[in-house]
Amino acid sequence: MGMKEMKDAYVAKMEAQVSEWGAKLKEMKAKAEKAAAQGRLEYQQKLSQVKAEEKQEQARRKLEELKMAGEERWEALKSGVEGAWKELKKSVESSKVD
């Protein structure tokens, strides 16, 4: 597999992961909105506290940088995308609402 194919496969994988976490964040927001007044306040405070949406946007921006990068730079940018992904994952997981 050539560098372009590796980059394209990696970008596709990361786009799918960012989309998946975006869907989970939307689900959590919906649960928070449907919760009783006290529960809603707790959920919204927790979501606000971890700033999961900001982490998602950071991951999305890093992914866009990676997509725009030439084949010679994508490997270097890959670690930035992975770091942003780890932060997003940690934020979403710490915000999970049952």
PDB file of N, CA and C in Angstrom:
ATOM      1  N   MET A   1       0.851  -1.176   0.000  1.00  0.00           N
ATOM      2  CA  MET A   1       0.000   0.000   0.000  1.00  0.00           C
ATOM      3  C   MET A   1       0.893   1.235   0.000  1.00  0.00           C
ATOM      4  N   GLY A   2       0.625   2.159  -0.924  1.00  0.00           N
ATOM      5  CA  GLY A   2       1.415   3.371  -1.036  1.00  0.00           C
ATOM      6  C   GLY A   2       1.046   4.381   0.032  1.00  0.00           C
ATOM      7  N   MET A   3       1.843   5.455   0.119  1.00  0.00           N
ATOM      8  CA  MET A   3       1.604   6.496   1.117  1.00  0.00           C
ATOM      9  C   MET A   3       0.229   7.136   0.945  1.00  0.00           C
ATOM     10  N   LYS A   4      -0.170   7.391  -0.306  1.00  0.00           N
ATOM     11  CA  LYS A   4      -1.471   8.027  -0.543  1.00  0.00           C
ATOM     12  C   LYS A   4      -2.595   7.125  -0.062  1.00  0.00           C
ATOM     13  N   GLU A   5      -2.510   5.849  -0.343  1.00  0.00           N
ATOM     14  CA  GLU A   5      -3.539   4.920   0.082  1.00  0.00           C
ATOM     15  C   GLU A   5      -3.577   4.824   1.606  1.00  0.00           C
ATOM     16  N   MET A   6      -2.386   4.807   2.246  1.00  0.00           N
ATOM     17  CA  MET A   6      -2.321   4.751   3.703  1.00  0.00           C
ATOM     18  C   MET A   6      -2.950   6.006   4.300  1.00  0.00           C
ATOM     19  N   LYS A   7      -2.628   7.157   3.721  1.00  0.00           N
ATOM     20  CA  LYS A   7      -3.189   8.418   4.207  1.00  0.00           C
ATOM     21  C   LYS A   7      -4.704   8.409   4.040  1.00  0.00           C
ATOM     22  N   ASP A   8      -5.185   8.032   2.861  1.00  0.00           N
ATOM     23  CA  ASP A   8      -6.621   8.013   2.588  1.00  0.00           C
ATOM     24  C   ASP A   8      -7.355   7.068   3.543  1.00  0.00           C
ATOM     25  N   ALA A   9      -6.784   5.912   3.792  1.00  0.00           N
ATOM     26  CA  ALA A   9      -7.409   4.949   4.700  1.00  0.00           C
ATOM     27  C   ALA A   9      -7.448   5.503   6.123  1.00  0.00           C
ATOM     28  N   TYR A  10      -6.374   6.143   6.529  1.00  0.00           N
ATOM     29  CA  TYR A  10      -6.314   6.715   7.870  1.00  0.00           C
ATOM     30  C   TYR A  10      -7.322   7.847   8.019  1.00  0.00           C
ATOM     31  N   VAL A  11      -7.402   8.719   7.017  1.00  0.00           N
ATOM     32  CA  VAL A  11      -8.354   9.834   7.047  1.00  0.00           C
ATOM     33  C   VAL A  11      -9.783   9.297   7.134  1.00  0.00           C
ATOM     34  N   ALA A  12     -10.097   8.289   6.346  1.00  0.00           N
ATOM     35  CA  ALA A  12     -11.436   7.701   6.374  1.00  0.00           C
ATOM     36  C   ALA A  12     -11.746   7.126   7.754  1.00  0.00           C
ATOM     37  N   LYS A  13     -10.789   6.453   8.351  1.00  0.00           N
ATOM     38  CA  LYS A  13     -10.974   5.868   9.675  1.00  0.00           C
ATOM     39  C   LYS A  13     -11.231   6.959  10.712  1.00  0.00           C
ATOM     40  N   MET A  14     -10.432   8.021  10.675  1.00  0.00           N
ATOM     41  CA  MET A  14     -10.582   9.096  11.648  1.00  0.00           C
ATOM     42  C   MET A  14     -11.881   9.863  11.435  1.00  0.00           C
ATOM     43  N   GLU A  15     -12.292  10.065  10.195  1.00  0.00           N
ATOM     44  CA  GLU A  15     -13.574  10.736   9.935  1.00  0.00           C
ATOM     45  C   GLU A  15     -14.722   9.928  10.532  1.00  0.00           C
ATOM     46  N   ALA A  16     -14.662   8.620  10.378  1.00  0.00           N
ATOM     47  CA  ALA A  16     -15.705   7.762  10.932  1.00  0.00           C
ATOM     48  C   ALA A  16     -15.719   7.849  12.456  1.00  0.00           C
ATOM     49  N   GLN A  17     -14.557   7.897  13.069  1.00  0.00           N
ATOM     50  CA  GLN A  17     -14.491   7.968  14.518  1.00  0.00           C
ATOM     51  C   GLN A  17     -15.010   9.312  15.029  1.00  0.00           C
ATOM     52  N   VAL A  18     -14.646  10.397  14.372  1.00  0.00           N
ATOM     53  CA  VAL A  18     -15.135  11.716  14.780  1.00  0.00           C
ATOM     54  C   VAL A  18     -16.656  11.765  14.638  1.00  0.00           C
ATOM     55  N   SER A  19     -17.176  11.211  13.566  1.00  0.00           N
ATOM     56  CA  SER A  19     -18.629  11.175  13.366  1.00  0.00           C
ATOM     57  C   SER A  19     -19.309  10.347  14.456  1.00  0.00           C
ATOM     58  N   GLU A  20     -18.706   9.235  14.801  1.00  0.00           N
ATOM     59  CA  GLU A  20     -19.274   8.371  15.834  1.00  0.00           C
ATOM     60  C   GLU A  20     -19.359   9.108  17.171  1.00  0.00           C
ATOM     61  N   TRP A  21     -18.281   9.801  17.552  1.00  0.00           N
ATOM     62  CA  TRP A  21     -18.291  10.537  18.812  1.00  0.00           C
ATOM     63  C   TRP A  21     -19.267  11.700  18.745  1.00  0.00           C
ATOM     64  N   GLY A  22     -19.409  12.318  17.577  1.00  0.00           N
ATOM     65  CA  GLY A  22     -20.391  13.388  17.417  1.00  0.00           C
ATOM     66  C   GLY A  22     -21.800  12.874  17.676  1.00  0.00           C
ATOM     67  N   ALA A  23     -22.094  11.691  17.174  1.00  0.00           N
ATOM     68  CA  ALA A  23     -23.411  11.083  17.397  1.00  0.00           C
ATOM     69  C   ALA A  23     -23.620  10.774  18.878  1.00  0.00           C
ATOM     70  N   LYS A  24     -22.576  10.299  19.537  1.00  0.00           N
ATOM     71  CA  LYS A  24     -22.695  10.002  20.966  1.00  0.00           C
ATOM     72  C   LYS A  24     -22.917  11.282  21.765  1.00  0.00           C
ATOM     73  N   LEU A  25     -22.237  12.357  21.380  1.00  0.00           N
ATOM     74  CA  LEU A  25     -22.438  13.633  22.068  1.00  0.00           C
ATOM     75  C   LEU A  25     -23.867  14.129  21.881  1.00  0.00           C
ATOM     76  N   LYS A  26     -24.395  13.997  20.664  1.00  0.00           N
ATOM     77  CA  LYS A  26     -25.786  14.406  20.417  1.00  0.00           C
ATOM     78  C   LYS A  26     -26.740  13.577  21.272  1.00  0.00           C
ATOM     79  N   GLU A  27     -26.482  12.295  21.376  1.00  0.00           N
ATOM     80  CA  GLU A  27     -27.320  11.422  22.192  1.00  0.00           C
ATOM     81  C   GLU A  27     -27.285  11.852  23.656  1.00  0.00           C
ATOM     82  N   MET A  28     -26.094  12.172  24.154  1.00  0.00           N
ATOM     83  CA  MET A  28     -25.968  12.606  25.541  1.00  0.00           C
ATOM     84  C   MET A  28     -26.697  13.927  25.767  1.00  0.00           C
ATOM     85  N   LYS A  29     -26.592  14.850  24.812  1.00  0.00           N
ATOM     86  CA  LYS A  29     -27.297  16.124  24.945  1.00  0.00           C
ATOM     87  C   LYS A  29     -28.800  15.900  24.973  1.00  0.00           C
ATOM     88  N   ALA A  30     -29.287  15.000  24.133  1.00  0.00           N
ATOM     89  CA  ALA A  30     -30.714  14.704  24.107  1.00  0.00           C
ATOM     90  C   ALA A  30     -31.164  14.124  25.445  1.00  0.00           C
ATOM     91  N   LYS A  31     -30.372  13.231  26.009  1.00  0.00           N
ATOM     92  CA  LYS A  31     -30.708  12.661  27.314  1.00  0.00           C
ATOM     93  C   LYS A  31     -30.719  13.745  28.382  1.00  0.00           C
ATOM     94  N   ALA A  32     -29.767  14.656  28.318  1.00  0.00           N
ATOM     95  CA  ALA A  32     -29.709  15.740  29.299  1.00  0.00           C
ATOM     96  C   ALA A  32     -30.934  16.625  29.195  1.00  0.00           C
ATOM     97  N   GLU A  33     -31.376  16.885  27.969  1.00  0.00           N
ATOM     98  CA  GLU A  33     -32.546  17.741  27.769  1.00  0.00           C
ATOM     99  C   GLU A  33     -33.825  17.071  28.245  1.00  0.00           C
ATOM    100  N   LYS A  34     -33.879  15.753  28.191  1.00  0.00           N
ATOM    101  CA  LYS A  34     -35.084  15.023  28.594  1.00  0.00           C
ATOM    102  C   LYS A  34     -35.108  14.724  30.093  1.00  0.00           C
ATOM    103  N   ALA A  35     -34.000  14.884  30.755  1.00  0.00           N
ATOM    104  CA  ALA A  35     -33.905  14.532  32.173  1.00  0.00           C
ATOM    105  C   ALA A  35     -34.719  15.495  33.030  1.00  0.00           C
ATOM    106  N   ALA A  36     -35.006  15.078  34.225  1.00  0.00           N
ATOM    107  CA  ALA A  36     -35.701  15.944  35.185  1.00  0.00           C
ATOM    108  C   ALA A  36     -34.829  17.157  35.459  1.00  0.00           C
ATOM    109  N   ALA A  37     -35.398  18.194  36.037  1.00  0.00           N
ATOM    110  CA  ALA A  37     -34.696  19.462  36.230  1.00  0.00           C
ATOM    111  C   ALA A  37     -33.341  19.258  36.915  1.00  0.00           C
ATOM    112  N   GLN A  38     -33.310  18.518  37.989  1.00  0.00           N
ATOM    113  CA  GLN A  38     -32.046  18.306  38.694  1.00  0.00           C
ATOM    114  C   GLN A  38     -31.069  17.509  37.844  1.00  0.00           C
ATOM    115  N   GLY A  39     -31.567  16.443  37.229  1.00  0.00           N
ATOM    116  CA  GLY A  39     -30.703  15.615  36.388  1.00  0.00           C
ATOM    117  C   GLY A  39     -30.181  16.405  35.208  1.00  0.00           C
ATOM    118  N   ARG A  40     -31.037  17.193  34.613  1.00  0.00           N
ATOM    119  CA  ARG A  40     -30.626  17.998  33.461  1.00  0.00           C
ATOM    120  C   ARG A  40     -29.494  18.942  33.855  1.00  0.00           C
ATOM    121  N   LEU A  41     -29.629  19.565  34.991  1.00  0.00           N
ATOM    122  CA  LEU A  41     -28.592  20.483  35.445  1.00  0.00           C
ATOM    123  C   LEU A  41     -27.264  19.748  35.618  1.00  0.00           C
ATOM    124  N   GLU A  42     -27.313  18.574  36.230  1.00  0.00           N
ATOM    125  CA  GLU A  42     -26.093  17.789  36.429  1.00  0.00           C
ATOM    126  C   GLU A  42     -25.459  17.408  35.094  1.00  0.00           C
ATOM    127  N   TYR A  43     -26.276  16.919  34.152  1.00  0.00           N
ATOM    128  CA  TYR A  43     -25.754  16.500  32.856  1.00  0.00           C
ATOM    129  C   TYR A  43     -25.146  17.685  32.115  1.00  0.00           C
ATOM    130  N   GLN A  44     -25.846  18.787  32.093  1.00  0.00           N
ATOM    131  CA  GLN A  44     -25.342  19.952  31.371  1.00  0.00           C
ATOM    132  C   GLN A  44     -24.079  20.506  32.012  1.00  0.00           C
ATOM    133  N   GLN A  45     -24.008  20.483  33.344  1.00  0.00           N
ATOM    134  CA  GLN A  45     -22.792  20.933  34.014  1.00  0.00           C
ATOM    135  C   GLN A  45     -21.616  20.034  33.664  1.00  0.00           C
ATOM    136  N   LYS A  46     -21.880  18.742  33.654  1.00  0.00           N
ATOM    137  CA  LYS A  46     -20.807  17.798  33.341  1.00  0.00           C
ATOM    138  C   LYS A  46     -20.340  17.968  31.891  1.00  0.00           C
ATOM    139  N   LEU A  47     -21.287  18.100  30.974  1.00  0.00           N
ATOM    140  CA  LEU A  47     -20.923  18.317  29.576  1.00  0.00           C
ATOM    141  C   LEU A  47     -20.125  19.603  29.431  1.00  0.00           C
ATOM    142  N   SER A  48     -20.561  20.625  30.118  1.00  0.00           N
ATOM    143  CA  SER A  48     -19.865  21.901  30.056  1.00  0.00           C
ATOM    144  C   SER A  48     -18.466  21.771  30.648  1.00  0.00           C
ATOM    145  N   GLN A  49     -18.392  21.073  31.756  1.00  0.00           N
ATOM    146  CA  GLN A  49     -17.124  20.932  32.472  1.00  0.00           C
ATOM    147  C   GLN A  49     -16.060  20.275  31.604  1.00  0.00           C
ATOM    148  N   VAL A  50     -16.376  19.241  30.921  1.00  0.00           N
ATOM    149  CA  VAL A  50     -15.364  18.521  30.142  1.00  0.00           C
ATOM    150  C   VAL A  50     -15.166  19.112  28.759  1.00  0.00           C
ATOM    151  N   LYS A  51     -16.082  19.988  28.354  1.00  0.00           N
ATOM    152  CA  LYS A  51     -15.967  20.668  27.063  1.00  0.00           C
ATOM    153  C   LYS A  51     -15.808  19.677  25.914  1.00  0.00           C
ATOM    154  N   ALA A  52     -16.643  18.665  25.934  1.00  0.00           N
ATOM    155  CA  ALA A  52     -16.545  17.611  24.924  1.00  0.00           C
ATOM    156  C   ALA A  52     -16.741  18.158  23.514  1.00  0.00           C
ATOM    157  N   GLU A  53     -17.622  19.115  23.367  1.00  0.00           N
ATOM    158  CA  GLU A  53     -17.856  19.650  22.030  1.00  0.00           C
ATOM    159  C   GLU A  53     -16.624  20.374  21.497  1.00  0.00           C
ATOM    160  N   GLU A  54     -15.909  21.074  22.370  1.00  0.00           N
ATOM    161  CA  GLU A  54     -14.672  21.729  21.944  1.00  0.00           C
ATOM    162  C   GLU A  54     -13.637  20.699  21.525  1.00  0.00           C
ATOM    163  N   LYS A  55     -13.567  19.620  22.254  1.00  0.00           N
ATOM    164  CA  LYS A  55     -12.621  18.553  21.906  1.00  0.00           C
ATOM    165  C   LYS A  55     -12.978  17.964  20.548  1.00  0.00           C
ATOM    166  N   GLN A  56     -14.271  17.813  20.282  1.00  0.00           N
ATOM    167  CA  GLN A  56     -14.679  17.277  18.988  1.00  0.00           C
ATOM    168  C   GLN A  56     -14.260  18.233  17.876  1.00  0.00           C
ATOM    169  N   GLU A  57     -14.449  19.516  18.091  1.00  0.00           N
ATOM    170  CA  GLU A  57     -14.076  20.495  17.068  1.00  0.00           C
ATOM    171  C   GLU A  57     -12.556  20.496  16.851  1.00  0.00           C
ATOM    172  N   GLN A  58     -11.789  20.366  17.917  1.00  0.00           N
ATOM    173  CA  GLN A  58     -10.334  20.287  17.782  1.00  0.00           C
ATOM    174  C   GLN A  58      -9.942  19.065  16.957  1.00  0.00           C
ATOM    175  N   ALA A  59     -10.570  17.939  17.235  1.00  0.00           N
ATOM    176  CA  ALA A  59     -10.271  16.717  16.488  1.00  0.00           C
ATOM    177  C   ALA A  59     -10.646  16.900  15.023  1.00  0.00           C
ATOM    178  N   ARG A  60     -11.785  17.536  14.774  1.00  0.00           N
ATOM    179  CA  ARG A  60     -12.219  17.763  13.399  1.00  0.00           C
ATOM    180  C   ARG A  60     -11.223  18.678  12.662  1.00  0.00           C
ATOM    181  N   ARG A  61     -10.738  19.733  13.340  1.00  0.00           N
ATOM    182  CA  ARG A  61      -9.763  20.646  12.709  1.00  0.00           C
ATOM    183  C   ARG A  61      -8.453  19.926  12.394  1.00  0.00           C
ATOM    184  N   LYS A  62      -7.994  19.095  13.332  1.00  0.00           N
ATOM    185  CA  LYS A  62      -6.765  18.332  13.087  1.00  0.00           C
ATOM    186  C   LYS A  62      -6.948  17.395  11.900  1.00  0.00           C
ATOM    187  N   LEU A  63      -8.105  16.789  11.818  1.00  0.00           N
ATOM    188  CA  LEU A  63      -8.381  15.888  10.703  1.00  0.00           C
ATOM    189  C   LEU A  63      -8.397  16.656   9.390  1.00  0.00           C
ATOM    190  N   GLU A  64      -8.960  17.853   9.392  1.00  0.00           N
ATOM    191  CA  GLU A  64      -8.962  18.679   8.182  1.00  0.00           C
ATOM    192  C   GLU A  64      -7.533  19.038   7.772  1.00  0.00           C
ATOM    193  N   GLU A  65      -6.687  19.373   8.742  1.00  0.00           N
ATOM    194  CA  GLU A  65      -5.276  19.650   8.443  1.00  0.00           C
ATOM    195  C   GLU A  65      -4.632  18.441   7.775  1.00  0.00           C
ATOM    196  N   LEU A  66      -4.923  17.267   8.324  1.00  0.00           N
ATOM    197  CA  LEU A  66      -4.358  16.041   7.786  1.00  0.00           C
ATOM    198  C   LEU A  66      -4.844  15.805   6.361  1.00  0.00           C
ATOM    199  N   LYS A  67      -6.126  16.054   6.125  1.00  0.00           N
ATOM    200  CA  LYS A  67      -6.681  15.843   4.786  1.00  0.00           C
ATOM    201  C   LYS A  67      -6.033  16.769   3.763  1.00  0.00           C
ATOM    202  N   MET A  68      -5.694  17.991   4.177  1.00  0.00           N
ATOM    203  CA  MET A  68      -5.124  18.968   3.258  1.00  0.00           C
ATOM    204  C   MET A  68      -3.611  18.780   3.069  1.00  0.00           C
ATOM    205  N   ALA A  69      -2.993  18.024   3.947  1.00  0.00           N
ATOM    206  CA  ALA A  69      -1.546  17.853   3.906  1.00  0.00           C
ATOM    207  C   ALA A  69      -1.133  16.997   2.717  1.00  0.00           C
ATOM    208  N   GLY A  70       0.025  17.303   2.214  1.00  0.00           N
ATOM    209  CA  GLY A  70       0.600  16.469   1.169  1.00  0.00           C
ATOM    210  C   GLY A  70       1.040  15.140   1.756  1.00  0.00           C
ATOM    211  N   GLU A  71       1.309  14.223   0.862  1.00  0.00           N
ATOM    212  CA  GLU A  71       1.698  12.885   1.315  1.00  0.00           C
ATOM    213  C   GLU A  71       2.945  12.906   2.178  1.00  0.00           C
ATOM    214  N   GLU A  72       3.822  13.870   1.945  1.00  0.00           N
ATOM    215  CA  GLU A  72       5.070  13.925   2.718  1.00  0.00           C
ATOM    216  C   GLU A  72       4.851  14.418   4.143  1.00  0.00           C
ATOM    217  N   ARG A  73       3.738  15.106   4.421  1.00  0.00           N
ATOM    218  CA  ARG A  73       3.496  15.667   5.756  1.00  0.00           C
ATOM    219  C   ARG A  73       2.464  14.894   6.561  1.00  0.00           C
ATOM    220  N   TRP A  74       1.706  14.015   5.951  1.00  0.00           N
ATOM    221  CA  TRP A  74       0.600  13.410   6.679  1.00  0.00           C
ATOM    222  C   TRP A  74       1.055  12.568   7.854  1.00  0.00           C
ATOM    223  N   GLU A  75       2.188  11.907   7.741  1.00  0.00           N
ATOM    224  CA  GLU A  75       2.692  11.101   8.860  1.00  0.00           C
ATOM    225  C   GLU A  75       2.970  11.986  10.064  1.00  0.00           C
ATOM    226  N   ALA A  76       3.549  13.171   9.825  1.00  0.00           N
ATOM    227  CA  ALA A  76       3.856  14.087  10.920  1.00  0.00           C
ATOM    228  C   ALA A  76       2.566  14.600  11.572  1.00  0.00           C
ATOM    229  N   LEU A  77       1.557  14.861  10.785  1.00  0.00           N
ATOM    230  CA  LEU A  77       0.292  15.373  11.312  1.00  0.00           C
ATOM    231  C   LEU A  77      -0.548  14.293  11.987  1.00  0.00           C
ATOM    232  N   LYS A  78      -0.273  13.057  11.658  1.00  0.00           N
ATOM    233  CA  LYS A  78      -1.038  11.933  12.198  1.00  0.00           C
ATOM    234  C   LYS A  78      -1.008  11.932  13.733  1.00  0.00           C
ATOM    235  N   SER A  79       0.133  12.240  14.330  1.00  0.00           N
ATOM    236  CA  SER A  79       0.211  12.228  15.799  1.00  0.00           C
ATOM    237  C   SER A  79      -0.672  13.312  16.402  1.00  0.00           C
ATOM    238  N   GLY A  80      -0.801  14.466  15.744  1.00  0.00           N
ATOM    239  CA  GLY A  80      -1.689  15.512  16.229  1.00  0.00           C
ATOM    240  C   GLY A  80      -3.143  15.077  16.194  1.00  0.00           C
ATOM    241  N   VAL A  81      -3.516  14.382  15.126  1.00  0.00           N
ATOM    242  CA  VAL A  81      -4.886  13.863  15.016  1.00  0.00           C
ATOM    243  C   VAL A  81      -5.130  12.835  16.108  1.00  0.00           C
ATOM    244  N   GLU A  82      -4.172  11.959  16.323  1.00  0.00           N
ATOM    245  CA  GLU A  82      -4.334  10.929  17.340  1.00  0.00           C
ATOM    246  C   GLU A  82      -4.436  11.532  18.733  1.00  0.00           C
ATOM    247  N   GLY A  83      -3.651  12.579  18.998  1.00  0.00           N
ATOM    248  CA  GLY A  83      -3.734  13.260  20.298  1.00  0.00           C
ATOM    249  C   GLY A  83      -5.092  13.896  20.506  1.00  0.00           C
ATOM    250  N   ALA A  84      -5.590  14.565  19.473  1.00  0.00           N
ATOM    251  CA  ALA A  84      -6.913  15.192  19.560  1.00  0.00           C
ATOM    252  C   ALA A  84      -7.987  14.122  19.744  1.00  0.00           C
ATOM    253  N   TRP A  85      -7.830  12.997  19.050  1.00  0.00           N
ATOM    254  CA  TRP A  85      -8.784  11.898  19.173  1.00  0.00           C
ATOM    255  C   TRP A  85      -8.806  11.361  20.602  1.00  0.00           C
ATOM    256  N   LYS A  86      -7.629  11.186  21.215  1.00  0.00           N
ATOM    257  CA  LYS A  86      -7.568  10.667  22.584  1.00  0.00           C
ATOM    258  C   LYS A  86      -8.257  11.628  23.551  1.00  0.00           C
ATOM    259  N   GLU A  87      -8.038  12.923  23.374  1.00  0.00           N
ATOM    260  CA  GLU A  87      -8.676  13.923  24.231  1.00  0.00           C
ATOM    261  C   GLU A  87     -10.190  13.890  24.066  1.00  0.00           C
ATOM    262  N   LEU A  88     -10.654  13.776  22.826  1.00  0.00           N
ATOM    263  CA  LEU A  88     -12.091  13.715  22.565  1.00  0.00           C
ATOM    264  C   LEU A  88     -12.683  12.467  23.212  1.00  0.00           C
ATOM    265  N   LYS A  89     -12.029  11.344  23.013  1.00  0.00           N
ATOM    266  CA  LYS A  89     -12.518  10.088  23.579  1.00  0.00           C
ATOM    267  C   LYS A  89     -12.605  10.170  25.102  1.00  0.00           C
ATOM    268  N   LYS A  90     -11.570  10.731  25.724  1.00  0.00           N
ATOM    269  CA  LYS A  90     -11.552  10.865  27.175  1.00  0.00           C
ATOM    270  C   LYS A  90     -12.695  11.771  27.646  1.00  0.00           C
ATOM    271  N   SER A  91     -12.924  12.869  26.935  1.00  0.00           N
ATOM    272  CA  SER A  91     -13.990  13.799  27.297  1.00  0.00           C
ATOM    273  C   SER A  91     -15.367  13.150  27.172  1.00  0.00           C
ATOM    274  N   VAL A  92     -15.568  12.447  26.066  1.00  0.00           N
ATOM    275  CA  VAL A  92     -16.868  11.796  25.856  1.00  0.00           C
ATOM    276  C   VAL A  92     -17.091  10.713  26.903  1.00  0.00           C
ATOM    277  N   GLU A  93     -16.077   9.911  27.150  1.00  0.00           N
ATOM    278  CA  GLU A  93     -16.237   8.825  28.109  1.00  0.00           C
ATOM    279  C   GLU A  93     -16.472   9.349  29.527  1.00  0.00           C
ATOM    280  N   SER A  94     -15.840  10.458  29.886  1.00  0.00           N
ATOM    281  CA  SER A  94     -16.047  10.999  31.236  1.00  0.00           C
ATOM    282  C   SER A  94     -17.387  11.704  31.359  1.00  0.00           C
ATOM    283  N   SER A  95     -18.037  11.969  30.227  1.00  0.00           N
ATOM    284  CA  SER A  95     -19.344  12.646  30.221  1.00  0.00           C
ATOM    285  C   SER A  95     -20.491  11.689  30.058  1.00  0.00           C
ATOM    286  N   LYS A  96     -20.231  10.411  29.922  1.00  0.00           N
ATOM    287  CA  LYS A  96     -21.297   9.459  29.606  1.00  0.00           C
ATOM    288  C   LYS A  96     -22.439   9.575  30.597  1.00  0.00           C
ATOM    289  N   VAL A  97     -23.616   9.521  30.028  1.00  0.00           N
ATOM    290  CA  VAL A  97     -24.849   9.590  30.803  1.00  0.00           C
ATOM    291  C   VAL A  97     -25.564   8.263  30.621  1.00  0.00           C
ATOM    292  N   ASP A  98     -25.934   7.640  31.699  1.00  0.00           N
ATOM    293  CA  ASP A  98     -26.650   6.352  31.600  1.00  0.00           C
ATOM    294  C   ASP A  98     -28.110   6.555  31.324  1.00  0.00           C
TER     295      ASP A  98
END
